[in-house]
Amino acid sequence: MIIALDGPAGAGKSTIALQVAASLGFQLIDTGAIYRTVALKCKEGSFDLHDGQTCADIARDLDFSFEIQGDINQVFCNGEPVGDEIRTSEISLAASTVSAHQEVRAALLELQRTLGSAKDSVLEGRDIGTVVFPGAELKIFLTASAEERAERRVKQLAEKGIDESYDKVLQEIKERDHKDMTRDIAPLVAAPDAVTVDTTGRSIEDIVAQIVNLAPVQ
C-alpha cells in the first residue's frame, strides 16, 4: 500500500509522515531528503546546480534507504547516515533548483518507485500523488499559511542550533513555493483525488489521527 503525502515546504509533511508511518507500521520514504542529498553532493563537489545532466549523473551514483529509529526517520546514502546538513536553508533552495531538472527527476523516479514498491510505504514529497505513485491508495495534500510555515521552520532550525531570521525564512518559503508551483516539470499541485488537509493552527496529533483514519488498511 502507498500513502502519498504532498505539499509545500513547512506544511508539516516530515513530522506527520513519520507519525503516520510509525502508527501503521509502514516504511517512510522522504523524497525531499533524496533531492536535498543530491543537492548537497553537487555543492560539495562544486558542480553547477543549473546543469541538469551533471546533477542527474550525481543522482544516479547514489543509493538510498530509510529506517525509522525512535522519533527520527534516518536517511542513509550509499550506506552512510545523512545528518542535518541537508536541512539548512541553503540546501533547501539548492534542492529546489536541482529538482526542477527533468534529467534529475527521471533519474530518481525509478528509485522512488522501487523503494515504495518493496513494502507498505508512506512517501512524502511534492509530486508523489501526481507523478511518482498516481495510483496510490491514499493521497493527502498538506498545506498551511506561509506565515505559520515560516514560524515552524525558524523554531525547527533553532532547535538544531541554526539561527535564521523569521523574515528571511518567510521570504525563502515564498520563493520556494513560487519555484515549485511554476516549474515546467512536475509542478507542486494537489492530485485531483487528493484529500487536502490544512495544518494551520492544528495539532500534529489531530492531523495524524485524521490521516490514519483515512488509510484503507485491513
Protein backbone atom coordinates (compact mmCIF):
# COMPACT_ATOMS: atom_id res chain seq x y z
CA MET A 1 0.00 0.00 0.00
CA ILE A 2 1.14 3.51 -0.79
CA ILE A 3 0.14 6.63 1.12
CA ALA A 4 1.23 9.80 -0.71
CA LEU A 5 1.77 12.98 1.30
CA ASP A 6 2.42 16.03 -0.83
CA GLY A 7 2.56 19.72 -0.03
CA PRO A 8 4.73 22.84 0.15
CA ALA A 9 7.78 23.35 2.35
CA GLY A 10 6.96 23.73 6.03
CA ALA A 11 3.47 22.23 5.88
CA GLY A 12 4.49 19.58 8.41
CA LYS A 13 5.00 16.71 5.98
CA SER A 14 8.07 15.23 7.65
CA THR A 15 6.67 15.16 11.19
CA ILE A 16 3.22 14.00 10.11
CA ALA A 17 4.55 11.38 7.68
CA LEU A 18 6.81 9.95 10.38
CA GLN A 19 3.99 9.54 12.86
CA VAL A 20 1.59 8.13 10.27
CA ALA A 21 4.20 5.59 9.12
CA ALA A 22 5.07 4.60 12.69
CA SER A 23 1.39 4.24 13.59
CA LEU A 24 0.67 1.98 10.62
CA GLY A 25 3.98 0.09 10.67
CA PHE A 26 4.90 1.36 7.19
CA GLN A 27 8.31 2.44 5.93
CA LEU A 28 8.74 6.18 5.37
CA ILE A 29 10.42 7.38 2.18
CA ASP A 30 11.41 11.03 2.44
CA THR A 31 11.76 12.06 -1.20
CA GLY A 32 12.65 15.59 -0.17
CA ALA A 33 15.68 14.21 1.66
CA ILE A 34 16.69 12.42 -1.53
CA TYR A 35 16.67 15.65 -3.55
CA ARG A 36 18.35 17.54 -0.71
CA THR A 37 21.12 14.96 -0.57
CA VAL A 38 21.65 15.19 -4.31
CA ALA A 39 21.90 18.98 -3.95
CA LEU A 40 24.37 18.60 -1.08
CA LYS A 41 26.57 16.21 -3.07
CA CYS A 42 26.53 18.60 -6.03
CA LYS A 43 27.55 21.53 -3.85
CA GLU A 44 30.25 19.51 -2.09
CA GLY A 45 31.69 18.68 -5.48
CA SER A 46 31.36 22.31 -6.66
CA PHE A 47 29.13 21.21 -9.53
CA ASP A 48 26.83 23.66 -11.29
CA LEU A 49 23.33 23.27 -9.84
CA HIS A 50 21.89 24.59 -13.10
CA ASP A 51 23.50 21.78 -15.12
CA GLY A 52 20.74 19.20 -15.17
CA GLN A 53 22.74 16.41 -16.79
CA THR A 54 25.61 16.70 -14.31
CA CYS A 55 23.20 16.75 -11.36
CA ALA A 56 21.45 13.69 -12.80
CA ASP A 57 24.77 11.85 -13.12
CA ILE A 58 25.45 12.56 -9.44
CA ALA A 59 21.96 11.33 -8.52
CA ARG A 60 22.42 8.01 -10.35
CA ASP A 61 25.50 7.23 -8.28
CA LEU A 62 23.57 7.49 -5.01
CA ASP A 63 21.74 4.67 -3.26
CA PHE A 64 19.17 5.45 -0.55
CA SER A 65 17.46 3.63 2.27
CA PHE A 66 15.37 4.73 5.24
CA GLU A 67 14.88 3.42 8.76
CA ILE A 68 12.62 4.77 11.49
CA GLN A 69 14.74 4.98 14.63
CA GLY A 70 12.73 6.22 17.59
CA ASP A 71 11.41 9.65 16.69
CA ILE A 72 13.50 10.16 13.56
CA ASN A 73 13.50 8.71 10.07
CA GLN A 74 17.17 8.06 9.42
CA VAL A 75 18.28 8.62 5.85
CA PHE A 76 21.14 6.54 4.50
CA CYS A 77 23.03 7.46 1.34
CA ASN A 78 25.40 4.83 -0.04
CA GLY A 79 25.18 3.10 3.32
CA GLU A 80 26.18 6.18 5.34
CA PRO A 81 23.75 8.10 7.58
CA VAL A 82 22.80 11.59 6.42
CA GLY A 83 22.57 14.29 9.07
CA ASP A 84 21.11 17.76 9.48
CA GLU A 85 23.46 19.20 6.86
CA ILE A 86 20.68 18.64 4.32
CA ARG A 87 18.18 20.68 6.36
CA THR A 88 19.75 24.14 6.05
CA SER A 89 18.04 26.97 4.15
CA GLU A 90 20.92 26.96 1.65
CA ILE A 91 20.36 23.31 0.79
CA SER A 92 16.58 23.82 0.68
CA LEU A 93 16.94 26.38 -2.09
CA ALA A 94 19.60 24.28 -3.84
CA ALA A 95 17.28 21.27 -3.75
CA SER A 96 14.54 23.34 -5.39
CA THR A 97 16.93 24.17 -8.23
CA VAL A 98 18.11 20.59 -8.64
CA SER A 99 14.61 19.12 -8.52
CA ALA A 100 13.46 21.33 -11.39
CA HIS A 101 15.68 19.44 -13.86
CA GLN A 102 13.87 16.80 -15.90
CA GLU A 103 17.06 14.72 -16.05
CA VAL A 104 17.29 14.60 -12.24
CA ARG A 105 13.62 13.74 -11.78
CA ALA A 106 13.89 10.96 -14.36
CA ALA A 107 16.99 9.59 -12.64
CA LEU A 108 15.26 9.45 -9.26
CA LEU A 109 11.77 8.40 -10.34
CA GLU A 110 12.59 4.71 -10.72
CA LEU A 111 14.49 4.75 -7.42
CA GLN A 112 11.45 6.13 -5.58
CA ARG A 113 9.11 3.62 -7.22
CA THR A 114 11.41 0.73 -6.40
CA LEU A 115 11.72 1.79 -2.76
CA GLY A 116 7.98 2.32 -2.42
CA SER A 117 7.05 -0.96 -4.08
CA ALA A 118 9.21 -3.02 -1.73
CA LYS A 119 6.76 -2.78 1.20
CA ASP A 120 3.84 -0.77 2.58
CA SER A 121 5.07 2.80 2.42
CA VAL A 122 4.36 6.41 3.23
CA LEU A 123 6.05 8.72 0.73
CA GLU A 124 6.30 12.44 1.31
CA GLY A 125 7.23 14.98 -1.31
CA ARG A 126 5.74 17.32 -3.87
CA ASP A 127 4.71 15.06 -6.74
CA ILE A 128 4.09 11.68 -5.14
CA GLY A 129 0.38 11.53 -5.85
CA THR A 130 0.64 13.15 -9.27
CA VAL A 131 3.79 11.58 -10.77
CA VAL A 132 5.60 9.02 -8.63
CA PHE A 133 2.60 6.97 -7.48
CA PRO A 134 -0.52 8.28 -9.24
CA GLY A 135 -2.25 5.05 -8.25
CA ALA A 136 -1.58 5.46 -4.52
CA GLU A 137 -4.40 4.14 -2.35
CA LEU A 138 -4.48 7.36 -0.31
CA LYS A 139 -3.33 10.81 -1.39
CA ILE A 140 -3.03 13.68 1.07
CA PHE A 141 -2.14 17.27 0.16
CA LEU A 142 -0.89 19.07 3.27
CA THR A 143 -0.86 22.85 3.34
CA ALA A 144 -0.59 25.76 5.80
CA SER A 145 -0.20 29.52 5.66
CA ALA A 146 3.24 30.79 4.62
CA GLU A 147 3.50 32.71 7.90
CA GLU A 148 2.88 29.67 10.06
CA ARG A 149 5.25 27.58 7.95
CA ALA A 150 7.96 30.20 8.45
CA GLU A 151 7.43 30.21 12.21
CA ARG A 152 7.69 26.44 12.32
CA ARG A 153 10.85 26.48 10.21
CA VAL A 154 12.58 29.08 12.40
CA LYS A 155 11.75 27.06 15.52
CA GLN A 156 12.93 23.83 13.90
CA LEU A 157 16.23 25.38 12.87
CA ALA A 158 16.73 26.94 16.31
CA GLU A 159 16.29 23.53 17.95
CA LYS A 160 19.18 22.35 15.78
CA GLY A 161 21.35 25.33 16.70
CA ILE A 162 20.80 27.15 13.41
CA ASP A 163 19.89 30.84 13.79
CA GLU A 164 17.73 32.23 10.97
CA SER A 165 15.53 35.32 10.99
CA TYR A 166 11.78 34.96 10.50
CA ASP A 167 11.70 37.48 7.65
CA LYS A 168 14.46 35.66 5.77
CA VAL A 169 12.81 32.26 6.20
CA LEU A 170 9.40 33.63 5.17
CA GLN A 171 10.87 35.11 2.00
CA GLU A 172 12.66 31.84 1.22
CA ILE A 173 9.43 29.86 1.70
CA LYS A 174 7.55 32.19 -0.67
CA GLU A 175 10.35 31.86 -3.23
CA ARG A 176 10.37 28.08 -2.84
CA ASP A 177 6.59 27.94 -3.27
CA HIS A 178 6.76 30.00 -6.44
CA LYS A 179 9.56 27.90 -7.94
CA ASP A 180 7.86 24.62 -7.05
CA MET A 181 4.43 25.64 -8.33
CA THR A 182 5.59 27.23 -11.58
CA ARG A 183 8.28 24.80 -12.73
CA ASP A 184 7.65 23.08 -16.04
CA ILE A 185 8.39 19.58 -14.75
CA ALA A 186 6.09 18.04 -12.11
CA PRO A 187 4.92 21.31 -10.54
CA LEU A 188 3.59 21.30 -6.99
CA VAL A 189 -0.15 20.73 -7.26
CA ALA A 190 -2.71 18.62 -5.44
CA ALA A 191 -3.78 15.48 -7.27
CA PRO A 192 -7.45 15.61 -8.35
CA ASP A 193 -8.32 12.78 -5.95
CA ALA A 194 -6.17 14.02 -3.03
CA VAL A 195 -7.64 14.97 0.33
CA THR A 196 -6.46 18.49 1.18
CA VAL A 197 -5.56 18.91 4.84
CA ASP A 198 -4.81 22.43 6.12
CA THR A 199 -2.49 22.13 9.12
CA THR A 200 -2.70 25.81 10.13
CA GLY A 201 -3.48 26.06 13.83
CA ARG A 202 -3.98 22.30 14.24
CA SER A 203 -2.10 19.87 16.44
CA ILE A 204 0.10 17.18 14.94
CA GLU A 205 -1.85 14.51 16.82
CA ASP A 206 -5.15 15.67 15.32
CA ILE A 207 -3.79 15.64 11.77
CA VAL A 208 -2.12 12.24 12.15
CA ALA A 209 -5.33 10.74 13.53
CA GLN A 210 -7.28 12.11 10.56
CA ILE A 211 -4.87 10.58 8.02
CA VAL A 212 -4.62 7.23 9.81
CA ASN A 213 -8.42 7.03 9.87
CA LEU A 214 -8.48 7.67 6.11
CA ALA A 215 -5.96 4.92 5.37
CA PRO A 216 -7.69 1.91 3.75
CA VAL A 217 -5.87 -0.68 5.88
CA GLN A 218 -7.30 -4.02 6.91
